[in-house]
PDB file of all heavy atoms in Angstrom:
ATOM      1  N   SER A   1      91.248  93.296  96.054  1.00  0.00           N
ATOM      2  CA  SER A   1      89.927  92.750  95.762  1.00  0.00           C
ATOM      3  C   SER A   1      89.281  93.521  94.623  1.00  0.00           C
ATOM      4  O   SER A   1      89.584  94.700  94.385  1.00  0.00           O
ATOM      5  CB  SER A   1      89.039  92.839  97.004  1.00  0.00           C
ATOM      6  OG  SER A   1      87.703  92.466  96.713  1.00  0.00           O
ATOM      7  N   MET A   2      88.341  92.876  93.926  1.00  0.00           N
ATOM      8  CA  MET A   2      87.555  93.564  92.900  1.00  0.00           C
ATOM      9  C   MET A   2      86.481  94.435  93.527  1.00  0.00           C
ATOM     10  O   MET A   2      85.913  95.295  92.864  1.00  0.00           O
ATOM     11  CB  MET A   2      86.933  92.543  91.943  1.00  0.00           C
ATOM     12  CG  MET A   2      87.927  91.953  90.966  1.00  0.00           C
ATOM     13  SD  MET A   2      87.152  90.889  89.729  1.00  0.00           S
ATOM     14  CE  MET A   2      87.060  89.362  90.636  1.00  0.00           C
ATOM     15  N   ALA A   3      86.178  94.209  94.805  1.00  0.00           N
ATOM     16  CA  ALA A   3      85.200  95.016  95.535  1.00  0.00           C
ATOM     17  C   ALA A   3      85.923  95.848  96.577  1.00  0.00           C
ATOM     18  O   ALA A   3      87.063  95.552  96.962  1.00  0.00           O
ATOM     19  CB  ALA A   3      84.163  94.124  96.198  1.00  0.00           C
ATOM     20  N   GLY A   4      85.242  96.905  97.040  1.00  0.00           N
ATOM     21  CA  GLY A   4      85.867  97.781  98.027  1.00  0.00           C
ATOM     22  C   GLY A   4      84.961  98.006  99.217  1.00  0.00           C
ATOM     23  O   GLY A   4      83.853  97.483  99.297  1.00  0.00           O
ATOM     24  N   ASN A   5      85.443  98.813 100.144  1.00  0.00           N
ATOM     25  CA  ASN A   5      84.685  99.159 101.345  1.00  0.00           C
ATOM     26  C   ASN A   5      83.789 100.358 101.035  1.00  0.00           C
ATOM     27  O   ASN A   5      84.280 101.414 100.638  1.00  0.00           O
ATOM     28  CB  ASN A   5      85.648  99.490 102.486  1.00  0.00           C
ATOM     29  CG  ASN A   5      84.946  99.644 103.819  1.00  0.00           C
ATOM     30  OD1 ASN A   5      83.733  99.824 103.886  1.00  0.00           O
ATOM     31  ND2 ASN A   5      85.704  99.573 104.896  1.00  0.00           N
ATOM     32  N   THR A   6      82.488 100.197 101.206  1.00  0.00           N
ATOM     33  CA  THR A   6      81.555 101.282 100.884  1.00  0.00           C
ATOM     34  C   THR A   6      81.371 102.275 102.025  1.00  0.00           C
ATOM     35  O   THR A   6      80.721 103.310 101.836  1.00  0.00           O
ATOM     36  CB  THR A   6      80.171 100.706 100.518  1.00  0.00           C
ATOM     37  OG1 THR A   6      79.638 100.008 101.657  1.00  0.00           O
ATOM     38  CG2 THR A   6      80.260  99.767  99.328  1.00  0.00           C
ATOM     39  N   ASP A   7      81.906 101.986 103.211  1.00  0.00           N
ATOM     40  CA  ASP A   7      81.735 102.866 104.369  1.00  0.00           C
ATOM     41  C   ASP A   7      82.081 104.308 103.995  1.00  0.00           C
ATOM     42  O   ASP A   7      83.203 104.584 103.540  1.00  0.00           O
ATOM     43  CB  ASP A   7      82.646 102.392 105.503  1.00  0.00           C
ATOM     44  CG  ASP A   7      82.404 103.123 106.818  1.00  0.00           C
ATOM     45  OD1 ASP A   7      82.122 104.341 106.789  1.00  0.00           O
ATOM     46  OD2 ASP A   7      82.504 102.495 107.878  1.00  0.00           O
ATOM     47  N   PRO A   8      81.151 105.245 104.169  1.00  0.00           N
ATOM     48  CA  PRO A   8      81.403 106.632 103.758  1.00  0.00           C
ATOM     49  C   PRO A   8      82.542 107.309 104.516  1.00  0.00           C
ATOM     50  O   PRO A   8      83.082 108.322 104.052  1.00  0.00           O
ATOM     51  CB  PRO A   8      80.071 107.347 104.050  1.00  0.00           C
ATOM     52  CG  PRO A   8      79.052 106.263 104.140  1.00  0.00           C
ATOM     53  CD  PRO A   8      79.779 105.077 104.689  1.00  0.00           C
ATOM     54  N   ASN A   9      82.924 106.753 105.663  1.00  0.00           N
ATOM     55  CA  ASN A   9      83.965 107.367 106.481  1.00  0.00           C
ATOM     56  C   ASN A   9      85.330 106.723 106.301  1.00  0.00           C
ATOM     57  O   ASN A   9      86.278 107.096 106.994  1.00  0.00           O
ATOM     58  CB  ASN A   9      83.564 107.293 107.959  1.00  0.00           C
ATOM     59  CG  ASN A   9      82.273 108.037 108.239  1.00  0.00           C
ATOM     60  OD1 ASN A   9      82.101 109.177 107.813  1.00  0.00           O
ATOM     61  ND2 ASN A   9      81.348 107.389 108.921  1.00  0.00           N
ATOM     62  N   ILE A  10      85.429 105.783 105.372  1.00  0.00           N
ATOM     63  CA  ILE A  10      86.700 105.100 105.123  1.00  0.00           C
ATOM     64  C   ILE A  10      86.997 105.156 103.625  1.00  0.00           C
ATOM     65  O   ILE A  10      86.136 104.817 102.807  1.00  0.00           O
ATOM     66  CB  ILE A  10      86.653 103.633 105.595  1.00  0.00           C
ATOM     67  CG1 ILE A  10      86.451 103.569 107.114  1.00  0.00           C
ATOM     68  CG2 ILE A  10      87.920 102.887 105.203  1.00  0.00           C
ATOM     69  CD1 ILE A  10      86.282 102.165 107.651  1.00  0.00           C
ATOM     70  N   GLU A  11      88.204 105.572 103.267  1.00  0.00           N
ATOM     71  CA  GLU A  11      88.598 105.643 101.864  1.00  0.00           C
ATOM     72  C   GLU A  11      89.600 104.544 101.534  1.00  0.00           C
ATOM     73  O   GLU A  11      90.535 104.287 102.297  1.00  0.00           O
ATOM     74  CB  GLU A  11      89.200 107.015 101.542  1.00  0.00           C
ATOM     75  CG  GLU A  11      88.213 108.160 101.663  1.00  0.00           C
ATOM     76  CD  GLU A  11      86.992 107.993 100.766  1.00  0.00           C
ATOM     77  OE1 GLU A  11      87.122 107.432  99.657  1.00  0.00           O
ATOM     78  OE2 GLU A  11      85.896 108.406 101.182  1.00  0.00           O
ATOM     79  N   SER A  12      89.397 103.905 100.386  1.00  0.00           N
ATOM     80  CA  SER A  12      90.260 102.807  99.950  1.00  0.00           C
ATOM     81  C   SER A  12      91.252 103.274  98.895  1.00  0.00           C
ATOM     82  O   SER A  12      90.963 104.168  98.100  1.00  0.00           O
ATOM     83  CB  SER A  12      89.418 101.671  99.363  1.00  0.00           C
ATOM     84  OG  SER A  12      88.437 101.223 100.261  1.00  0.00           O
ATOM     85  N   PHE A  13      92.425 102.645  98.877  1.00  0.00           N
ATOM     86  CA  PHE A  13      93.378 102.834  97.785  1.00  0.00           C
ATOM     87  C   PHE A  13      92.920 102.016  96.582  1.00  0.00           C
ATOM     88  O   PHE A  13      92.441 100.895  96.736  1.00  0.00           O
ATOM     89  CB  PHE A  13      94.769 102.359  98.191  1.00  0.00           C
ATOM     90  CG  PHE A  13      95.501 103.282  99.120  1.00  0.00           C
ATOM     91  CD1 PHE A  13      95.541 103.025 100.481  1.00  0.00           C
ATOM     92  CD2 PHE A  13      96.166 104.398  98.633  1.00  0.00           C
ATOM     93  CE1 PHE A  13      96.227 103.861 101.346  1.00  0.00           C
ATOM     94  CE2 PHE A  13      96.865 105.245  99.490  1.00  0.00           C
ATOM     95  CZ  PHE A  13      96.892 104.981 100.845  1.00  0.00           C
ATOM     96  N   GLN A  14      93.103 102.576  95.379  1.00  0.00           N
ATOM     97  CA  GLN A  14      92.752 101.879  94.148  1.00  0.00           C
ATOM     98  C   GLN A  14      94.019 101.609  93.339  1.00  0.00           C
ATOM     99  O   GLN A  14      94.922 102.441  93.291  1.00  0.00           O
ATOM    100  CB  GLN A  14      91.813 102.735  93.305  1.00  0.00           C
ATOM    101  CG  GLN A  14      90.552 103.182  94.006  1.00  0.00           C
ATOM    102  CD  GLN A  14      89.738 104.143  93.159  1.00  0.00           C
ATOM    103  OE1 GLN A  14      89.560 103.930  91.966  1.00  0.00           O
ATOM    104  NE2 GLN A  14      89.255 105.208  93.786  1.00  0.00           N
ATOM    105  N   LEU A  15      94.056 100.445  92.700  1.00  0.00           N
ATOM    106  CA  LEU A  15      95.180 100.068  91.853  1.00  0.00           C
ATOM    107  C   LEU A  15      94.659  99.556  90.517  1.00  0.00           C
ATOM    108  O   LEU A  15      93.527  99.073  90.418  1.00  0.00           O
ATOM    109  CB  LEU A  15      96.013  98.971  92.525  1.00  0.00           C
ATOM    110  CG  LEU A  15      96.689  99.322  93.866  1.00  0.00           C
ATOM    111  CD1 LEU A  15      97.286  98.077  94.489  1.00  0.00           C
ATOM    112  CD2 LEU A  15      97.749 100.379  93.657  1.00  0.00           C
ATOM    113  N   GLU A  16      95.485  99.643  89.477  1.00  0.00           N
ATOM    114  CA  GLU A  16      95.118  99.133  88.161  1.00  0.00           C
ATOM    115  C   GLU A  16      96.005  97.942  87.810  1.00  0.00           C
ATOM    116  O   GLU A  16      97.239  98.051  87.794  1.00  0.00           O
ATOM    117  CB  GLU A  16      95.258 100.224  87.093  1.00  0.00           C
ATOM    118  CG  GLU A  16      94.268 101.370  87.242  1.00  0.00           C
ATOM    119  CD  GLU A  16      92.822 100.957  86.988  1.00  0.00           C
ATOM    120  OE1 GLU A  16      92.601 100.069  86.136  1.00  0.00           O
ATOM    121  OE2 GLU A  16      91.933 101.510  87.671  1.00  0.00           O
ATOM    122  N   PHE A  17      95.388  96.815  87.519  1.00  0.00           N
ATOM    123  CA  PHE A  17      96.090  95.607  87.106  1.00  0.00           C
ATOM    124  C   PHE A  17      96.288  95.641  85.604  1.00  0.00           C
ATOM    125  O   PHE A  17      95.339  95.873  84.839  1.00  0.00           O
ATOM    126  CB  PHE A  17      95.272  94.380  87.521  1.00  0.00           C
ATOM    127  CG  PHE A  17      95.835  93.070  87.062  1.00  0.00           C
ATOM    128  CD1 PHE A  17      97.045  92.619  87.548  1.00  0.00           C
ATOM    129  CD2 PHE A  17      95.145  92.282  86.150  1.00  0.00           C
ATOM    130  CE1 PHE A  17      97.564  91.408  87.129  1.00  0.00           C
ATOM    131  CE2 PHE A  17      95.657  91.069  85.725  1.00  0.00           C
ATOM    132  CZ  PHE A  17      96.872  90.631  86.218  1.00  0.00           C
ATOM    133  N   THR A  18      97.522  95.422  85.136  1.00  0.00           N
ATOM    134  CA  THR A  18      97.817  95.529  83.695  1.00  0.00           C
ATOM    135  C   THR A  18      98.005  94.167  83.032  1.00  0.00           C
ATOM    136  O   THR A  18      98.424  94.091  81.884  1.00  0.00           O
ATOM    137  CB  THR A  18      99.085  96.372  83.483  1.00  0.00           C
ATOM    138  OG1 THR A  18     100.198  95.749  84.162  1.00  0.00           O
ATOM    139  CG2 THR A  18      98.895  97.784  84.014  1.00  0.00           C
ATOM    140  N   GLY A  19      97.695  93.095  83.738  1.00  0.00           N
ATOM    141  CA  GLY A  19      97.865  91.757  83.203  1.00  0.00           C
ATOM    142  C   GLY A  19      96.716  91.331  82.304  1.00  0.00           C
ATOM    143  O   GLY A  19      95.905  92.155  81.861  1.00  0.00           O
ATOM    144  N   PRO A  20      96.595  90.033  82.053  1.00  0.00           N
ATOM    145  CA  PRO A  20      95.574  89.522  81.119  1.00  0.00           C
ATOM    146  C   PRO A  20      94.151  89.822  81.566  1.00  0.00           C
ATOM    147  O   PRO A  20      93.841  89.767  82.764  1.00  0.00           O
ATOM    148  CB  PRO A  20      95.840  88.009  81.094  1.00  0.00           C
ATOM    149  CG  PRO A  20      96.623  87.724  82.328  1.00  0.00           C
ATOM    150  CD  PRO A  20      97.425  88.945  82.608  1.00  0.00           C
ATOM    151  N   LYS A  21      93.292  90.117  80.629  1.00  0.00           N
ATOM    152  CA  LYS A  21      91.893  90.433  80.934  1.00  0.00           C
ATOM    153  C   LYS A  21      91.163  89.241  81.548  1.00  0.00           C
ATOM    154  O   LYS A  21      90.172  89.413  82.250  1.00  0.00           O
ATOM    155  CB  LYS A  21      91.175  90.893  79.669  1.00  0.00           C
ATOM    156  CG  LYS A  21      91.682  92.232  79.138  1.00  0.00           C
ATOM    157  CD  LYS A  21      90.898  92.673  77.917  1.00  0.00           C
ATOM    158  CE  LYS A  21      91.399  94.026  77.416  1.00  0.00           C
ATOM    159  NZ  LYS A  21      90.663  94.477  76.200  1.00  0.00           N
ATOM    160  N   SER A  22      91.653  88.050  81.270  1.00  0.00           N
ATOM    161  CA  SER A  22      91.010  86.855  81.821  1.00  0.00           C
ATOM    162  C   SER A  22      91.083  86.810  83.344  1.00  0.00           C
ATOM    163  O   SER A  22      90.358  86.050  83.982  1.00  0.00           O
ATOM    164  CB  SER A  22      91.659  85.600  81.242  1.00  0.00           C
ATOM    165  OG  SER A  22      93.046  85.562  81.559  1.00  0.00           O
ATOM    166  N   ALA A  23      91.972  87.631  83.929  1.00  0.00           N
ATOM    167  CA  ALA A  23      92.119  87.651  85.382  1.00  0.00           C
ATOM    168  C   ALA A  23      91.005  88.430  86.065  1.00  0.00           C
ATOM    169  O   ALA A  23      90.910  88.431  87.291  1.00  0.00           O
ATOM    170  CB  ALA A  23      93.472  88.245  85.770  1.00  0.00           C
ATOM    171  N   GLY A  24      90.174  89.108  85.267  1.00  0.00           N
ATOM    172  CA  GLY A  24      89.066  89.839  85.868  1.00  0.00           C
ATOM    173  C   GLY A  24      89.236  91.338  85.756  1.00  0.00           C
ATOM    174  O   GLY A  24      90.097  91.835  85.028  1.00  0.00           O
ATOM    175  N   ALA A  25      88.398  92.062  86.479  1.00  0.00           N
ATOM    176  CA  ALA A  25      88.389  93.524  86.414  1.00  0.00           C
ATOM    177  C   ALA A  25      89.776  94.082  86.722  1.00  0.00           C
ATOM    178  O   ALA A  25      90.416  93.663  87.695  1.00  0.00           O
ATOM    179  CB  ALA A  25      87.371  94.090  87.398  1.00  0.00           C
ATOM    180  N   PRO A  26      90.253  95.037  85.918  1.00  0.00           N
ATOM    181  CA  PRO A  26      91.596  95.577  86.152  1.00  0.00           C
ATOM    182  C   PRO A  26      91.686  96.456  87.396  1.00  0.00           C
ATOM    183  O   PRO A  26      92.746  96.513  88.025  1.00  0.00           O
ATOM    184  CB  PRO A  26      91.871  96.396  84.882  1.00  0.00           C
ATOM    185  CG  PRO A  26      90.524  96.753  84.347  1.00  0.00           C
ATOM    186  CD  PRO A  26      89.646  95.588  84.684  1.00  0.00           C
ATOM    187  N   ARG A  27      90.602  97.122  87.763  1.00  0.00           N
ATOM    188  CA  ARG A  27      90.661  97.976  88.945  1.00  0.00           C
ATOM    189  C   ARG A  27      90.500  97.119  90.194  1.00  0.00           C
ATOM    190  O   ARG A  27      89.530  96.383  90.359  1.00  0.00           O
ATOM    191  CB  ARG A  27      89.586  99.046  88.915  1.00  0.00           C
ATOM    192  CG  ARG A  27      89.535  99.885  90.206  1.00  0.00           C
ATOM    193  CD  ARG A  27      88.894 101.212  90.011  1.00  0.00           C
ATOM    194  NE  ARG A  27      89.682 102.053  89.112  1.00  0.00           N
ATOM    195  CZ  ARG A  27      89.382 103.306  88.805  1.00  0.00           C
ATOM    196  NH1 ARG A  27      88.293 103.873  89.309  1.00  0.00           N
ATOM    197  NH2 ARG A  27      90.133 103.996  87.981  1.00  0.00           N
ATOM    198  N   ARG A  28      91.453  97.248  91.089  1.00  0.00           N
ATOM    199  CA  ARG A  28      91.433  96.504  92.347  1.00  0.00           C
ATOM    200  C   ARG A  28      91.532  97.484  93.517  1.00  0.00           C
ATOM    201  O   ARG A  28      92.056  98.580  93.387  1.00  0.00           O
ATOM    202  CB  ARG A  28      92.592  95.504  92.408  1.00  0.00           C
ATOM    203  CG  ARG A  28      92.546  94.457  91.276  1.00  0.00           C
ATOM    204  CD  ARG A  28      91.375  93.516  91.435  1.00  0.00           C
ATOM    205  NE  ARG A  28      91.137  92.732  90.232  1.00  0.00           N
ATOM    206  CZ  ARG A  28      91.048  91.411  90.205  1.00  0.00           C
ATOM    207  NH1 ARG A  28      91.152  90.730  91.322  1.00  0.00           N
ATOM    208  NH2 ARG A  28      90.812  90.778  89.073  1.00  0.00           N
ATOM    209  N   TRP A  29      91.049  97.012  94.666  1.00  0.00           N
ATOM    210  CA  TRP A  29      90.985  97.853  95.852  1.00  0.00           C
ATOM    211  C   TRP A  29      91.782  97.199  96.967  1.00  0.00           C
ATOM    212  O   TRP A  29      91.605  96.017  97.262  1.00  0.00           O
ATOM    213  CB  TRP A  29      89.524  98.031  96.296  1.00  0.00           C
ATOM    214  CG  TRP A  29      88.670  98.620  95.201  1.00  0.00           C
ATOM    215  CD1 TRP A  29      88.178  97.963  94.103  1.00  0.00           C
ATOM    216  CD2 TRP A  29      88.240  99.976  95.082  1.00  0.00           C
ATOM    217  NE1 TRP A  29      87.463  98.827  93.316  1.00  0.00           N
ATOM    218  CE2 TRP A  29      87.475 100.079  93.888  1.00  0.00           C
ATOM    219  CE3 TRP A  29      88.400 101.114  95.879  1.00  0.00           C
ATOM    220  CZ2 TRP A  29      86.892 101.259  93.470  1.00  0.00           C
ATOM    221  CZ3 TRP A  29      87.825 102.299  95.462  1.00  0.00           C
ATOM    222  CH2 TRP A  29      87.073 102.371  94.262  1.00  0.00           C
ATOM    223  N   LEU A  30      92.698  97.960  97.567  1.00  0.00           N
ATOM    224  CA  LEU A  30      93.435  97.443  98.713  1.00  0.00           C
ATOM    225  C   LEU A  30      92.492  97.340  99.908  1.00  0.00           C
ATOM    226  O   LEU A  30      91.724  98.261 100.174  1.00  0.00           O
ATOM    227  CB  LEU A  30      94.605  98.366  99.055  1.00  0.00           C
ATOM    228  CG  LEU A  30      95.917  98.127  98.304  1.00  0.00           C
ATOM    229  CD1 LEU A  30      96.900  99.262  98.597  1.00  0.00           C
ATOM    230  CD2 LEU A  30      96.528  96.793  98.667  1.00  0.00           C
ATOM    231  N   ARG A  31      92.573  96.263 100.629  1.00  0.00           N
ATOM    232  CA  ARG A  31      91.620  96.018 101.712  1.00  0.00           C
ATOM    233  C   ARG A  31      91.789  97.038 102.841  1.00  0.00           C
ATOM    234  O   ARG A  31      92.909  97.431 103.196  1.00  0.00           O
ATOM    235  CB  ARG A  31      91.778  94.609 102.255  1.00  0.00           C
ATOM    236  CG  ARG A  31      93.092  94.354 102.989  1.00  0.00           C
ATOM    237  CD  ARG A  31      93.174  92.918 103.434  1.00  0.00           C
ATOM    238  NE  ARG A  31      94.385  92.677 104.235  1.00  0.00           N
ATOM    239  CZ  ARG A  31      94.707  91.498 104.720  1.00  0.00           C
ATOM    240  NH1 ARG A  31      93.929  90.434 104.493  1.00  0.00           N
ATOM    241  NH2 ARG A  31      95.810  91.342 105.437  1.00  0.00           N
ATOM    242  N   THR A  32      90.680  97.441 103.408  1.00  0.00           N
ATOM    243  CA  THR A  32      90.689  98.262 104.619  1.00  0.00           C
ATOM    244  C   THR A  32      90.531  97.389 105.854  1.00  0.00           C
ATOM    245  O   THR A  32      90.755  97.837 106.966  1.00  0.00           O
ATOM    246  CB  THR A  32      89.568  99.320 104.583  1.00  0.00           C
ATOM    247  OG1 THR A  32      88.302  98.657 104.485  1.00  0.00           O
ATOM    248  CG2 THR A  32      89.744 100.253 103.396  1.00  0.00           C
ATOM    249  N   SER A  33      90.115  96.148 105.643  1.00  0.00           N
ATOM    250  CA  SER A  33      90.100  95.119 106.681  1.00  0.00           C
ATOM    251  C   SER A  33      89.909  93.785 105.953  1.00  0.00           C
ATOM    252  O   SER A  33      89.483  93.771 104.789  1.00  0.00           O
ATOM    253  CB  SER A  33      88.966  95.348 107.690  1.00  0.00           C
ATOM    254  OG  SER A  33      87.802  94.648 107.324  1.00  0.00           O
ATOM    255  N   PRO A  34      90.198  92.653 106.609  1.00  0.00           N
ATOM    256  CA  PRO A  34      89.986  91.349 105.970  1.00  0.00           C
ATOM    257  C   PRO A  34      88.576  90.807 106.182  1.00  0.00           C
ATOM    258  O   PRO A  34      88.316  89.627 105.941  1.00  0.00           O
ATOM    259  CB  PRO A  34      91.027  90.471 106.653  1.00  0.00           C
ATOM    260  CG  PRO A  34      91.121  91.030 108.032  1.00  0.00           C
ATOM    261  CD  PRO A  34      90.922  92.527 107.893  1.00  0.00           C
ATOM    262  N   GLU A  35      87.645  91.641 106.599  1.00  0.00           N
ATOM    263  CA  GLU A  35      86.322  91.186 107.040  1.00  0.00           C
ATOM    264  C   GLU A  35      85.574  90.377 105.987  1.00  0.00           C
ATOM    265  O   GLU A  35      85.052  89.290 106.277  1.00  0.00           O
ATOM    266  CB  GLU A  35      85.483  92.388 107.463  1.00  0.00           C
ATOM    267  CG  GLU A  35      84.078  92.027 107.914  1.00  0.00           C
ATOM    268  CD  GLU A  35      83.354  93.205 108.546  1.00  0.00           C
ATOM    269  OE1 GLU A  35      83.907  94.312 108.549  1.00  0.00           O
ATOM    270  OE2 GLU A  35      82.237  92.987 109.051  1.00  0.00           O
ATOM    271  N   PHE A  36      85.484  90.893 104.772  1.00  0.00           N
ATOM    272  CA  PHE A  36      84.639  90.228 103.771  1.00  0.00           C
ATOM    273  C   PHE A  36      85.150  88.834 103.410  1.00  0.00           C
ATOM    274  O   PHE A  36      84.367  87.869 103.421  1.00  0.00           O
ATOM    275  CB  PHE A  36      84.504  91.101 102.528  1.00  0.00           C
ATOM    276  CG  PHE A  36      83.760  92.398 102.762  1.00  0.00           C
ATOM    277  CD1 PHE A  36      83.624  93.338 101.743  1.00  0.00           C
ATOM    278  CD2 PHE A  36      83.182  92.699 103.989  1.00  0.00           C
ATOM    279  CE1 PHE A  36      82.939  94.530 101.942  1.00  0.00           C
ATOM    280  CE2 PHE A  36      82.497  93.887 104.201  1.00  0.00           C
ATOM    281  CZ  PHE A  36      82.381  94.805 103.171  1.00  0.00           C
TER     282      PHE A  36
END
C-alpha cells in the first residue's frame, strides 16, 4: 500500500517500487493487517 500503519507499537516493512512513475508513489508499505 502507499499508506502504512501509524500504530506506535507496530512497525511496517517498507519497499521501493522501481517501475513507472505513473503507478504512483514508489515507497510502499507491506500490510500489518488487511483492515483498511
